[in-house]
Amino acid sequence: MPALALPLTAAAVAHAVPAVTARGPARRLTPGLAGEGRPGGVALTFDDGPDPDGTPAVLQTLADLGWRATFVMLGSQVRRHPDIARLVVEAGHEVGVHGTIHRNHLIRTPWAIRRDLRLASGQIAEATGVRPRWFRPPYGILTAGTLWAARDLDLVSVLWTAWGKDWRGGPPDRVAAEVMRTLRDGGTVLLHDSDCTSRPGSWRSTVASLPLLAAQVEGLEVRTLGDHLGPAC
């Protein structure tokens, strides 16, 4: 093996190690990163927006339910739909960073990730007037480069404890049941307000699942990541 191969292999492994938090038992070792917050409620988050169709529909349903949520936005979508991004904040919700493009960080260098997050943060801040605090990587896959870039840009990384797999579309009751399969008091829910990386029209399943979820989480406060995790996260 060439002399350079071992250091390069070690660097690649170190870069990839945090990806184990994407699924499974490793999440339980990092409750804050997983989105486990204070009891008495759950955080509701939406990835991949803003979207000119899905986001307004989600906002209307949230208003009907009296819920507040965090919208984890793609910079590329914000650039296309800055008025929709602004609408999210005007409706009283929170914004976070999902990156500029939806690409797996395992195949990106730390410097490319940092450029991506910096650009997205700036696009979101310019469109909404709010500097985003929260960050979630595409596919929930963290790398050492991801963590370095987020920390350098003063972003707090948060994944989720329950997801609806709503990108598949399908019956809304299936989305709600998937969320409730792993949702517990103090958890964080991942859904999507855009179909830009999902099955076309899948946001309709998401919107229709929200009233179904309301019946399941009655008695729990549905809140933003800021309210859920607090300033000490």
Foldseek 3Di string as FASTA:
>chain_A
DDPVVVVVVVVLCQFQVQQVCLDDDVVVVPVVQAQQFDFQAEAEEAEEDDDPPLLVLQLVLCVVVVAEHEYAYALCRCVVCLVSLQVNVVSPYHYHHAWNDQDACSPPDLVVRLVRRVSSQVSSCVSHVDRHAEYAYHSNGGTPSNVVSCVVVNHHRHHWFFEQVLLAADALVSSLVRRVVGDDGRTYYYHHSDNPVGDPPSSVSVSVNVVVNCVVQPRGHYYYSCVGHHPVD
